[in-house]
Amino acid sequence: MESFQNPVRNRDQLTFSLEGVAEREQTLFKSFVRLLDHRTHQRWAWCAERADLRVVGAAATDAPSPGPAAILFLGACNTAGAHHLNLPIHADALERVLNLIGGLITA
């Protein structure tokens, strides 16, 4: 019998945090990430602190400071060249941006 190797097992594990995002959108974002797990190039998990990706909403009290973490703006984005995702969240758009940012982080 042939052995089946699942290429998904070798994916990098990356983390994301949510800042200034309403509870409802946090729940939806986390749910979408879990649902898209089989379609993303990396495995994404929520982390409260020191995440690889900071997802920042309009309600964030402080402007995101530049640092080692990538930043994804959720909602309207006024920063040119920044990664952003419009609301409401669409699965295909979230998949694209996670694959793009994940590729940049792991490169």
Protein backbone atom coordinates (compact mmCIF):
# COMPACT_ATOMS: atom_id res chain seq x y z
CA MET A 1 0.00 0.00 0.00
CA GLU A 2 1.28 3.47 -0.85
CA SER A 3 2.08 5.81 1.98
CA PHE A 4 0.33 9.14 1.77
CA GLN A 5 2.34 12.21 2.66
CA ASN A 6 0.35 15.27 3.48
CA PRO A 7 2.28 18.40 2.44
CA VAL A 8 0.16 20.43 4.87
CA ARG A 9 2.11 18.99 7.82
CA ASN A 10 5.24 20.86 6.81
CA ARG A 11 3.69 24.32 6.84
CA ASP A 12 5.21 27.05 8.99
CA GLN A 13 3.24 28.08 12.08
CA LEU A 14 2.55 31.82 12.28
CA THR A 15 0.57 33.82 14.82
CA PHE A 16 -1.72 36.83 14.67
CA SER A 17 -3.08 39.23 17.26
CA LEU A 18 -6.12 41.50 17.10
CA GLU A 19 -5.97 45.12 18.29
CA GLY A 20 -8.80 47.64 18.24
CA VAL A 21 -11.18 45.16 16.64
CA ALA A 22 -14.73 44.81 17.95
CA GLU A 23 -15.60 41.50 19.65
CA ARG A 24 -17.92 40.47 16.80
CA GLU A 25 -15.24 41.06 14.16
CA GLN A 26 -12.65 39.27 16.32
CA THR A 27 -14.86 36.20 16.47
CA LEU A 28 -15.53 36.34 12.73
CA PHE A 29 -11.85 36.85 11.87
CA LYS A 30 -10.72 33.92 14.04
CA SER A 31 -13.48 31.73 12.56
CA PHE A 32 -12.50 32.61 9.00
CA VAL A 33 -8.85 31.84 9.73
CA ARG A 34 -9.80 28.42 11.11
CA LEU A 35 -12.05 27.71 8.12
CA LEU A 36 -9.32 28.69 5.66
CA ASP A 37 -6.61 26.64 7.35
CA HIS A 38 -6.58 24.03 4.58
CA ARG A 39 -6.18 26.75 1.92
CA THR A 40 -3.44 28.93 3.42
CA HIS A 41 0.26 28.34 2.84
CA GLN A 42 1.04 28.67 6.55
CA ARG A 43 -0.81 27.58 9.68
CA TRP A 44 -2.21 30.63 11.48
CA ALA A 45 -3.03 30.72 15.20
CA TRP A 46 -4.26 33.51 17.44
CA CYS A 47 -1.80 34.82 20.02
CA ALA A 48 -2.43 37.62 22.51
CA GLU A 49 1.11 39.05 22.46
CA ARG A 50 4.21 39.06 20.27
CA ALA A 51 2.42 37.78 17.20
CA ASP A 52 3.95 37.59 13.74
CA LEU A 53 1.00 39.56 12.33
CA ARG A 54 -0.84 42.39 14.08
CA VAL A 55 -4.39 42.83 12.79
CA VAL A 56 -5.34 46.41 13.66
CA GLY A 57 -8.89 47.74 13.56
CA ALA A 58 -10.22 51.28 13.42
CA ALA A 59 -10.86 51.30 17.18
CA ALA A 60 -7.15 50.88 18.02
CA THR A 61 -6.19 53.54 20.56
CA ASP A 62 -2.58 53.93 19.43
CA ALA A 63 -1.16 54.09 15.96
CA PRO A 64 0.68 50.84 15.28
CA SER A 65 4.36 51.31 15.88
CA PRO A 66 6.78 49.85 13.39
CA GLY A 67 8.38 46.72 14.68
CA PRO A 68 9.17 43.15 13.83
CA ALA A 69 5.50 42.18 13.34
CA ALA A 70 3.71 42.68 10.04
CA ILE A 71 0.57 44.82 10.22
CA LEU A 72 -2.80 44.20 8.55
CA PHE A 73 -5.35 46.98 8.78
CA LEU A 74 -8.92 45.76 9.10
CA GLY A 75 -11.48 48.15 7.61
CA ALA A 76 -10.74 51.42 5.88
CA CYS A 77 -7.02 52.06 5.42
CA ASN A 78 -5.51 55.52 5.20
CA THR A 79 -1.91 54.31 5.03
CA ALA A 80 -0.55 54.06 1.51
CA GLY A 81 1.14 50.80 0.71
CA ALA A 82 -0.13 49.08 3.85
CA HIS A 83 -1.79 45.69 3.82
CA HIS A 84 -5.49 46.04 4.49
CA LEU A 85 -8.68 44.03 4.39
CA ASN A 86 -12.06 45.66 3.94
CA LEU A 87 -15.10 44.85 6.02
CA PRO A 88 -17.16 42.76 5.76
CA ILE A 89 -14.55 40.03 5.58
CA HIS A 90 -14.57 37.91 2.42
CA ALA A 91 -12.92 34.50 2.62
CA ASP A 92 -11.08 34.77 -0.69
CA ALA A 93 -9.64 38.19 0.17
CA LEU A 94 -8.54 36.97 3.61
CA GLU A 95 -6.88 33.92 2.07
CA ARG A 96 -4.95 36.08 -0.41
CA VAL A 97 -3.71 38.54 2.20
CA LEU A 98 -2.71 35.80 4.68
CA ASN A 99 -0.77 33.97 1.95
CA LEU A 100 0.89 37.23 0.85
CA ILE A 101 1.88 38.35 4.34
CA GLY A 102 2.82 34.80 5.40
CA GLY A 103 5.13 34.54 2.41
CA LEU A 104 6.79 37.83 3.32
CA ILE A 105 7.25 36.78 6.96
CA THR A 106 8.74 33.38 6.13
CA ALA A 107 10.98 34.63 3.29
